[in-house]
Amino acid sequence: MITTIRKKLQSADTLRLQLFVLLGVYYIMEDQEMQLKVRRVTDKFTESMYVLANEPSVALYRLQEHVRRSLPELVQHKTDMQSWEEQSQGAIYSVEYACSAVKSMTNSSLYFKNIDGLLRQAISMKEQISNSQGRSPPVSAPHAPSTSS
């Protein structure tokens, strides 16, 4: 900031010197009154140049120029971010669904144990039924047609 101010002051001094040369008046003058008048004119001219260079309409123009240059890139970044957000929301939903499925599978071990017990019970009942049918006389089928000759 200070270097910028120094540069502006140096450029103002340079401008003032150039104005002295342009007006045909050199820095070393014998007439003090004339030197004072020339200094006032150059100071006013320098001040006018600063005002023109820093006028609000110029600042607004520069701002508009900056927005016009950077806006398309910002819009592109926004659309990219929105698409990435949609993709990540989908991935988050998938991960949450998978986590809930895994949790429900770990909670279902009780049900699997219950099913295992019921299957073992059914197998033992079938074996008991098979064993009891093997000991008792076979029940004949009612009036089955014979195929013997």
N, C-alpha and C. Protein backbone atom coordinates (compact mmCIF):
# COMPACT_ATOMS: atom_id res chain seq x y z
N MET A 1 0.83 -1.19 0.00
CA MET A 1 0.00 0.00 0.00
C MET A 1 0.87 1.24 0.00
N ILE A 2 1.89 1.26 0.86
CA ILE A 2 2.78 2.42 0.94
C ILE A 2 3.57 2.57 -0.34
N THR A 3 4.00 1.44 -0.92
CA THR A 3 4.75 1.52 -2.17
C THR A 3 3.87 2.05 -3.29
N THR A 4 2.60 1.71 -3.28
CA THR A 4 1.68 2.21 -4.29
C THR A 4 1.53 3.72 -4.16
N ILE A 5 1.42 4.20 -2.93
CA ILE A 5 1.29 5.65 -2.71
C ILE A 5 2.57 6.36 -3.15
N ARG A 6 3.73 5.77 -2.82
CA ARG A 6 5.00 6.37 -3.24
C ARG A 6 5.09 6.45 -4.75
N LYS A 7 4.67 5.36 -5.42
CA LYS A 7 4.71 5.35 -6.89
C LYS A 7 3.81 6.43 -7.47
N LYS A 8 2.63 6.60 -6.86
CA LYS A 8 1.73 7.64 -7.34
C LYS A 8 2.33 9.02 -7.13
N LEU A 9 2.97 9.24 -5.98
CA LEU A 9 3.60 10.53 -5.74
C LEU A 9 4.76 10.77 -6.69
N GLN A 10 5.55 9.72 -6.96
CA GLN A 10 6.64 9.85 -7.91
C GLN A 10 6.10 10.14 -9.30
N SER A 11 5.02 9.46 -9.67
CA SER A 11 4.44 9.72 -10.99
C SER A 11 3.85 11.12 -11.04
N ALA A 12 3.34 11.62 -9.91
CA ALA A 12 2.83 13.00 -9.88
C ALA A 12 3.96 13.97 -10.04
N ASP A 13 5.09 13.73 -9.39
CA ASP A 13 6.25 14.60 -9.55
C ASP A 13 6.75 14.57 -10.99
N THR A 14 6.77 13.37 -11.57
CA THR A 14 7.19 13.24 -12.96
C THR A 14 6.24 14.00 -13.87
N LEU A 15 4.96 13.89 -13.62
CA LEU A 15 3.96 14.60 -14.42
C LEU A 15 4.12 16.11 -14.27
N ARG A 16 4.36 16.53 -13.04
CA ARG A 16 4.56 17.96 -12.78
C ARG A 16 5.78 18.48 -13.55
N LEU A 17 6.87 17.71 -13.54
CA LEU A 17 8.07 18.11 -14.26
C LEU A 17 7.81 18.17 -15.74
N GLN A 18 7.08 17.20 -16.26
CA GLN A 18 6.76 17.20 -17.69
C GLN A 18 5.91 18.42 -18.04
N LEU A 19 4.99 18.78 -17.15
CA LEU A 19 4.17 19.95 -17.41
C LEU A 19 5.02 21.22 -17.42
N PHE A 20 5.99 21.29 -16.52
CA PHE A 20 6.89 22.45 -16.53
C PHE A 20 7.60 22.56 -17.87
N VAL A 21 8.05 21.41 -18.37
CA VAL A 21 8.77 21.41 -19.63
C VAL A 21 7.81 21.77 -20.77
N LEU A 22 6.59 21.21 -20.75
CA LEU A 22 5.63 21.50 -21.80
C LEU A 22 5.24 22.97 -21.83
N LEU A 23 5.14 23.59 -20.72
CA LEU A 23 4.77 25.00 -20.68
C LEU A 23 5.95 25.91 -20.96
N GLY A 24 7.10 25.32 -21.15
CA GLY A 24 8.27 26.13 -21.45
C GLY A 24 8.85 26.78 -20.22
N VAL A 25 8.47 26.30 -19.08
CA VAL A 25 8.97 26.87 -17.83
C VAL A 25 9.81 25.80 -17.16
N TYR A 26 11.00 26.11 -16.80
CA TYR A 26 11.90 25.15 -16.18
C TYR A 26 11.85 25.30 -14.68
N TYR A 27 12.35 24.28 -14.01
CA TYR A 27 12.28 24.25 -12.56
C TYR A 27 13.03 25.43 -11.94
N ILE A 28 14.09 25.77 -12.51
CA ILE A 28 14.88 26.89 -11.96
C ILE A 28 14.41 28.16 -12.64
N MET A 29 13.64 28.92 -11.91
CA MET A 29 13.12 30.19 -12.44
C MET A 29 13.53 31.30 -11.49
N GLU A 30 13.70 32.46 -12.02
CA GLU A 30 14.11 33.58 -11.20
C GLU A 30 12.90 34.30 -10.64
N ASP A 31 11.82 34.23 -11.37
CA ASP A 31 10.63 34.96 -10.94
C ASP A 31 9.81 34.06 -10.01
N GLN A 32 9.78 34.35 -8.73
CA GLN A 32 9.09 33.52 -7.74
C GLN A 32 7.58 33.50 -7.96
N GLU A 33 7.04 34.60 -8.36
CA GLU A 33 5.59 34.68 -8.58
C GLU A 33 5.17 33.78 -9.73
N MET A 34 5.93 33.80 -10.78
CA MET A 34 5.64 32.96 -11.94
C MET A 34 5.80 31.48 -11.56
N GLN A 35 6.80 31.19 -10.78
CA GLN A 35 7.03 29.82 -10.34
C GLN A 35 5.85 29.33 -9.49
N LEU A 36 5.33 30.17 -8.63
CA LEU A 36 4.19 29.81 -7.79
C LEU A 36 2.94 29.56 -8.65
N LYS A 37 2.71 30.41 -9.65
CA LYS A 37 1.55 30.24 -10.53
C LYS A 37 1.66 28.94 -11.32
N VAL A 38 2.84 28.64 -11.82
CA VAL A 38 3.02 27.41 -12.59
C VAL A 38 2.82 26.19 -11.69
N ARG A 39 3.31 26.28 -10.45
CA ARG A 39 3.13 25.17 -9.51
C ARG A 39 1.65 24.95 -9.22
N ARG A 40 0.88 26.00 -9.05
CA ARG A 40 -0.57 25.87 -8.81
C ARG A 40 -1.25 25.22 -10.01
N VAL A 41 -0.89 25.67 -11.21
CA VAL A 41 -1.50 25.10 -12.42
C VAL A 41 -1.17 23.61 -12.52
N THR A 42 0.08 23.27 -12.29
CA THR A 42 0.45 21.85 -12.40
C THR A 42 -0.20 21.02 -11.30
N ASP A 43 -0.32 21.59 -10.08
CA ASP A 43 -0.99 20.86 -8.99
C ASP A 43 -2.45 20.61 -9.33
N LYS A 44 -3.12 21.64 -9.84
CA LYS A 44 -4.53 21.48 -10.23
C LYS A 44 -4.67 20.46 -11.35
N PHE A 45 -3.74 20.53 -12.32
CA PHE A 45 -3.80 19.58 -13.43
C PHE A 45 -3.58 18.15 -12.93
N THR A 46 -2.61 17.97 -12.04
CA THR A 46 -2.35 16.65 -11.47
C THR A 46 -3.56 16.14 -10.69
N GLU A 47 -4.14 17.03 -9.91
CA GLU A 47 -5.34 16.65 -9.15
C GLU A 47 -6.47 16.25 -10.09
N SER A 48 -6.64 16.99 -11.16
CA SER A 48 -7.67 16.66 -12.15
C SER A 48 -7.41 15.30 -12.79
N MET A 49 -6.14 15.01 -13.05
CA MET A 49 -5.80 13.72 -13.64
C MET A 49 -6.13 12.58 -12.66
N TYR A 50 -5.83 12.79 -11.37
CA TYR A 50 -6.18 11.77 -10.37
C TYR A 50 -7.68 11.57 -10.29
N VAL A 51 -8.42 12.67 -10.32
CA VAL A 51 -9.88 12.58 -10.24
C VAL A 51 -10.43 11.82 -11.45
N LEU A 52 -9.91 12.15 -12.63
CA LEU A 52 -10.38 11.46 -13.84
C LEU A 52 -10.01 9.98 -13.82
N ALA A 53 -8.81 9.67 -13.33
CA ALA A 53 -8.38 8.28 -13.31
C ALA A 53 -9.16 7.46 -12.28
N ASN A 54 -9.62 8.10 -11.21
CA ASN A 54 -10.31 7.39 -10.14
C ASN A 54 -11.79 7.76 -10.05
N GLU A 55 -12.34 8.22 -11.11
CA GLU A 55 -13.75 8.61 -11.12
C GLU A 55 -14.62 7.37 -10.90
N PRO A 56 -15.74 7.53 -10.19
CA PRO A 56 -16.60 6.37 -9.91
C PRO A 56 -17.07 5.65 -11.17
N SER A 57 -17.34 6.36 -12.24
CA SER A 57 -17.81 5.68 -13.44
C SER A 57 -16.71 4.79 -14.02
N VAL A 58 -15.46 5.23 -13.88
CA VAL A 58 -14.35 4.40 -14.34
C VAL A 58 -14.25 3.15 -13.47
N ALA A 59 -14.43 3.34 -12.16
CA ALA A 59 -14.40 2.19 -11.25
C ALA A 59 -15.52 1.22 -11.57
N LEU A 60 -16.70 1.74 -11.84
CA LEU A 60 -17.83 0.87 -12.20
C LEU A 60 -17.57 0.15 -13.51
N TYR A 61 -16.95 0.85 -14.46
CA TYR A 61 -16.61 0.22 -15.73
C TYR A 61 -15.63 -0.94 -15.50
N ARG A 62 -14.61 -0.69 -14.67
CA ARG A 62 -13.63 -1.74 -14.38
C ARG A 62 -14.30 -2.92 -13.68
N LEU A 63 -15.21 -2.62 -12.78
CA LEU A 63 -15.94 -3.67 -12.08
C LEU A 63 -16.78 -4.49 -13.04
N GLN A 64 -17.46 -3.79 -13.95
CA GLN A 64 -18.28 -4.47 -14.94
C GLN A 64 -17.40 -5.35 -15.84
N GLU A 65 -16.25 -4.82 -16.22
CA GLU A 65 -15.33 -5.56 -17.07
C GLU A 65 -14.86 -6.84 -16.35
N HIS A 66 -14.54 -6.70 -15.08
CA HIS A 66 -14.10 -7.86 -14.29
C HIS A 66 -15.20 -8.91 -14.18
N VAL A 67 -16.42 -8.46 -13.91
CA VAL A 67 -17.55 -9.39 -13.78
C VAL A 67 -17.80 -10.09 -15.11
N ARG A 68 -17.74 -9.35 -16.20
CA ARG A 68 -17.98 -9.94 -17.51
C ARG A 68 -16.93 -11.01 -17.84
N ARG A 69 -15.69 -10.77 -17.42
CA ARG A 69 -14.65 -11.75 -17.68
C ARG A 69 -14.75 -12.97 -16.78
N SER A 70 -15.07 -12.76 -15.51
CA SER A 70 -15.02 -13.87 -14.56
C SER A 70 -16.35 -14.60 -14.39
N LEU A 71 -17.46 -14.02 -14.80
CA LEU A 71 -18.76 -14.64 -14.59
C LEU A 71 -18.93 -15.98 -15.29
N PRO A 72 -18.56 -16.13 -16.57
CA PRO A 72 -18.74 -17.45 -17.21
C PRO A 72 -17.99 -18.57 -16.48
N GLU A 73 -16.79 -18.26 -16.01
CA GLU A 73 -16.02 -19.26 -15.27
C GLU A 73 -16.71 -19.61 -13.95
N LEU A 74 -17.24 -18.61 -13.28
CA LEU A 74 -17.94 -18.86 -12.02
C LEU A 74 -19.20 -19.68 -12.24
N VAL A 75 -19.92 -19.41 -13.32
CA VAL A 75 -21.13 -20.18 -13.64
C VAL A 75 -20.75 -21.64 -13.92
N GLN A 76 -19.65 -21.83 -14.64
CA GLN A 76 -19.20 -23.20 -14.93
C GLN A 76 -18.84 -23.93 -13.63
N HIS A 77 -18.15 -23.23 -12.73
CA HIS A 77 -17.80 -23.85 -11.44
C HIS A 77 -19.07 -24.20 -10.66
N LYS A 78 -20.07 -23.33 -10.72
CA LYS A 78 -21.31 -23.59 -9.98
C LYS A 78 -22.00 -24.83 -10.53
N THR A 79 -22.09 -24.95 -11.84
CA THR A 79 -22.75 -26.13 -12.42
C THR A 79 -21.96 -27.40 -12.11
N ASP A 80 -20.63 -27.30 -12.14
CA ASP A 80 -19.80 -28.46 -11.78
C ASP A 80 -20.06 -28.87 -10.33
N MET A 81 -20.10 -27.89 -9.45
CA MET A 81 -20.34 -28.18 -8.03
C MET A 81 -21.72 -28.79 -7.82
N GLN A 82 -22.72 -28.32 -8.56
CA GLN A 82 -24.06 -28.88 -8.42
C GLN A 82 -24.08 -30.33 -8.88
N SER A 83 -23.41 -30.63 -10.00
CA SER A 83 -23.40 -32.01 -10.47
C SER A 83 -22.63 -32.91 -9.49
N TRP A 84 -21.53 -32.40 -8.93
CA TRP A 84 -20.78 -33.18 -7.94
C TRP A 84 -21.61 -33.39 -6.69
N GLU A 85 -22.40 -32.39 -6.33
CA GLU A 85 -23.26 -32.54 -5.15
C GLU A 85 -24.30 -33.63 -5.39
N GLU A 86 -24.90 -33.64 -6.58
CA GLU A 86 -25.89 -34.67 -6.91
C GLU A 86 -25.25 -36.05 -6.87
N GLN A 87 -24.06 -36.18 -7.44
CA GLN A 87 -23.38 -37.48 -7.44
C GLN A 87 -23.05 -37.92 -6.02
N SER A 88 -22.57 -36.98 -5.21
CA SER A 88 -22.23 -37.36 -3.83
C SER A 88 -23.48 -37.68 -3.03
N GLN A 89 -24.59 -36.99 -3.29
CA GLN A 89 -25.82 -37.32 -2.58
C GLN A 89 -26.26 -38.74 -2.93
N GLY A 90 -26.14 -39.11 -4.20
CA GLY A 90 -26.47 -40.48 -4.61
C GLY A 90 -25.55 -41.49 -3.95
N ALA A 91 -24.25 -41.18 -3.89
CA ALA A 91 -23.31 -42.10 -3.26
C ALA A 91 -23.58 -42.21 -1.76
N ILE A 92 -23.92 -41.10 -1.12
CA ILE A 92 -24.23 -41.11 0.31
C ILE A 92 -25.46 -41.96 0.57
N TYR A 93 -26.48 -41.81 -0.28
CA TYR A 93 -27.70 -42.62 -0.13
C TYR A 93 -27.36 -44.11 -0.26
N SER A 94 -26.53 -44.45 -1.25
CA SER A 94 -26.15 -45.86 -1.45
C SER A 94 -25.41 -46.41 -0.25
N VAL A 95 -24.49 -45.61 0.29
CA VAL A 95 -23.70 -46.07 1.44
C VAL A 95 -24.59 -46.24 2.66
N GLU A 96 -25.50 -45.29 2.87
CA GLU A 96 -26.41 -45.40 4.02
C GLU A 96 -27.31 -46.63 3.88
N TYR A 97 -27.78 -46.88 2.66
CA TYR A 97 -28.63 -48.05 2.43
C TYR A 97 -27.85 -49.33 2.68
N ALA A 98 -26.59 -49.37 2.22
CA ALA A 98 -25.76 -50.55 2.43
C ALA A 98 -25.49 -50.75 3.92
N CYS A 99 -25.23 -49.67 4.64
CA CYS A 99 -24.99 -49.77 6.09
C CYS A 99 -26.21 -50.30 6.81
N SER A 100 -27.39 -49.81 6.42
CA SER A 100 -28.61 -50.30 7.08
C SER A 100 -28.85 -51.77 6.75
N ALA A 101 -28.50 -52.18 5.52
CA ALA A 101 -28.64 -53.60 5.16
C ALA A 101 -27.69 -54.47 5.97
N VAL A 102 -26.46 -54.01 6.16
CA VAL A 102 -25.50 -54.78 6.95
C VAL A 102 -25.95 -54.86 8.40
N LYS A 103 -26.46 -53.74 8.94
CA LYS A 103 -26.95 -53.75 10.32
C LYS A 103 -28.12 -54.71 10.47
N SER A 104 -29.02 -54.70 9.50
CA SER A 104 -30.17 -55.61 9.60
C SER A 104 -29.72 -57.06 9.45
N MET A 105 -28.65 -57.29 8.68
CA MET A 105 -28.13 -58.65 8.57
C MET A 105 -27.52 -59.10 9.89
N THR A 106 -26.82 -58.23 10.58
CA THR A 106 -26.25 -58.63 11.86
C THR A 106 -27.36 -58.85 12.89
N ASN A 107 -28.43 -58.08 12.78
CA ASN A 107 -29.56 -58.29 13.69
C ASN A 107 -30.35 -59.55 13.35
N SER A 108 -30.21 -60.04 12.14
CA SER A 108 -30.98 -61.22 11.73
C SER A 108 -30.32 -62.52 12.15
N SER A 109 -29.16 -62.48 12.79
CA SER A 109 -28.52 -63.73 13.22
C SER A 109 -29.43 -64.50 14.19
N LEU A 110 -30.21 -63.79 14.98
CA LEU A 110 -31.17 -64.45 15.88
C LEU A 110 -32.18 -65.25 15.08
N TYR A 111 -32.67 -64.66 13.98
CA TYR A 111 -33.66 -65.35 13.14
C TYR A 111 -33.03 -66.57 12.47
N PHE A 112 -31.78 -66.44 12.01
CA PHE A 112 -31.11 -67.57 11.39
C PHE A 112 -30.91 -68.71 12.39
N LYS A 113 -30.60 -68.38 13.62
CA LYS A 113 -30.45 -69.42 14.65
C LYS A 113 -31.79 -70.11 14.91
N ASN A 114 -32.86 -69.32 14.91
CA ASN A 114 -34.19 -69.86 15.10
C ASN A 114 -34.54 -70.80 13.94
N ILE A 115 -34.24 -70.38 12.71
CA ILE A 115 -34.51 -71.21 11.53
C ILE A 115 -33.69 -72.49 11.60
N ASP A 116 -32.43 -72.37 12.01
CA ASP A 116 -31.57 -73.55 12.13
C ASP A 116 -32.16 -74.55 13.13
N GLY A 117 -32.63 -74.03 14.26
CA GLY A 117 -33.24 -74.90 15.27
C GLY A 117 -34.50 -75.58 14.73
N LEU A 118 -35.34 -74.82 14.01
CA LEU A 118 -36.55 -75.40 13.44
C LEU A 118 -36.23 -76.45 12.39
N LEU A 119 -35.22 -76.20 11.56
CA LEU A 119 -34.83 -77.19 10.55
C LEU A 119 -34.31 -78.46 11.21
N ARG A 120 -33.52 -78.32 12.25
CA ARG A 120 -33.00 -79.49 12.96
C ARG A 120 -34.18 -80.28 13.58
N GLN A 121 -35.14 -79.54 14.12
CA GLN A 121 -36.31 -80.18 14.72
C GLN A 121 -37.12 -80.91 13.64
N ALA A 122 -37.27 -80.28 12.46
CA ALA A 122 -38.01 -80.91 11.37
C ALA A 122 -37.29 -82.16 10.88
N ILE A 123 -35.97 -82.11 10.80
CA ILE A 123 -35.19 -83.28 10.35
C ILE A 123 -35.34 -84.42 11.36
N SER A 124 -35.27 -84.09 12.64
CA SER A 124 -35.41 -85.15 13.64
C SER A 124 -36.82 -85.73 13.63
N MET A 125 -37.85 -84.93 13.41
CA MET A 125 -39.23 -85.43 13.31
C MET A 125 -39.38 -86.35 12.10
N LYS A 126 -38.77 -85.95 10.98
CA LYS A 126 -38.84 -86.78 9.78
C LYS A 126 -38.16 -88.12 10.03
N GLU A 127 -37.02 -88.09 10.70
CA GLU A 127 -36.33 -89.35 11.03
C GLU A 127 -37.20 -90.21 11.96
N GLN A 128 -37.86 -89.57 12.93
CA GLN A 128 -38.74 -90.32 13.82
C GLN A 128 -39.90 -90.94 13.05
N ILE A 129 -40.46 -90.15 12.12
CA ILE A 129 -41.57 -90.67 11.31
C ILE A 129 -41.08 -91.82 10.43
N SER A 130 -39.89 -91.64 9.84
CA SER A 130 -39.34 -92.72 8.99
C SER A 130 -39.07 -93.96 9.83
N ASN A 131 -38.53 -93.77 11.01
CA ASN A 131 -38.24 -94.92 11.89
C ASN A 131 -39.53 -95.60 12.34
N SER A 132 -40.54 -94.82 12.66
CA SER A 132 -41.80 -95.42 13.13
C SER A 132 -42.50 -96.14 11.98
N GLN A 133 -42.38 -95.66 10.76
CA GLN A 133 -42.98 -96.35 9.62
C GLN A 133 -42.21 -97.62 9.30
N GLY A 134 -40.92 -97.61 9.56
CA GLY A 134 -40.10 -98.80 9.30
C GLY A 134 -40.41 -99.90 10.28
N ARG A 135 -40.84 -99.68 11.50
CA ARG A 135 -41.14 -100.69 12.51
C ARG A 135 -42.54 -101.23 12.36
N SER A 136 -43.45 -100.40 12.08
CA SER A 136 -44.84 -100.86 11.98
C SER A 136 -45.08 -101.47 10.61
N PRO A 137 -46.11 -102.36 10.53
CA PRO A 137 -46.38 -102.97 9.22
C PRO A 137 -46.80 -101.89 8.24
N PRO A 138 -46.34 -102.05 7.02
CA PRO A 138 -46.68 -101.03 6.02
C PRO A 138 -48.17 -100.99 5.78
N VAL A 139 -48.66 -99.84 5.62
CA VAL A 139 -50.07 -99.66 5.36
C VAL A 139 -50.26 -99.88 3.87
N SER A 140 -51.21 -100.79 3.52
CA SER A 140 -51.38 -101.10 2.10
C SER A 140 -52.27 -100.00 1.48
N ALA A 141 -51.96 -99.77 0.25
CA ALA A 141 -52.73 -98.77 -0.48
C ALA A 141 -54.08 -99.35 -0.82
N PRO A 142 -55.17 -98.63 -0.72
CA PRO A 142 -56.48 -99.21 -0.98
C PRO A 142 -56.66 -99.51 -2.46
N HIS A 143 -56.87 -100.71 -2.76
CA HIS A 143 -57.23 -101.27 -4.09
C HIS A 143 -56.40 -100.71 -5.19
N ALA A 144 -55.10 -100.86 -5.08
CA ALA A 144 -54.22 -100.40 -6.15
C ALA A 144 -54.22 -101.47 -7.23
N PRO A 145 -54.35 -101.12 -8.48
CA PRO A 145 -54.32 -102.12 -9.54
C PRO A 145 -52.97 -102.77 -9.63
N SER A 146 -52.94 -104.08 -9.79
CA SER A 146 -51.68 -104.79 -9.86
C SER A 146 -51.25 -104.90 -11.31
N THR A 147 -50.00 -104.89 -11.52
CA THR A 147 -49.46 -104.95 -12.87
C THR A 147 -48.80 -106.31 -13.14
N SER A 148 -49.02 -107.29 -12.27
CA SER A 148 -48.37 -108.58 -12.47
C SER A 148 -49.20 -109.42 -13.46
N SER A 149 -48.55 -110.36 -14.12
CA SER A 149 -49.23 -111.15 -15.11
C SER A 149 -49.74 -112.43 -14.66
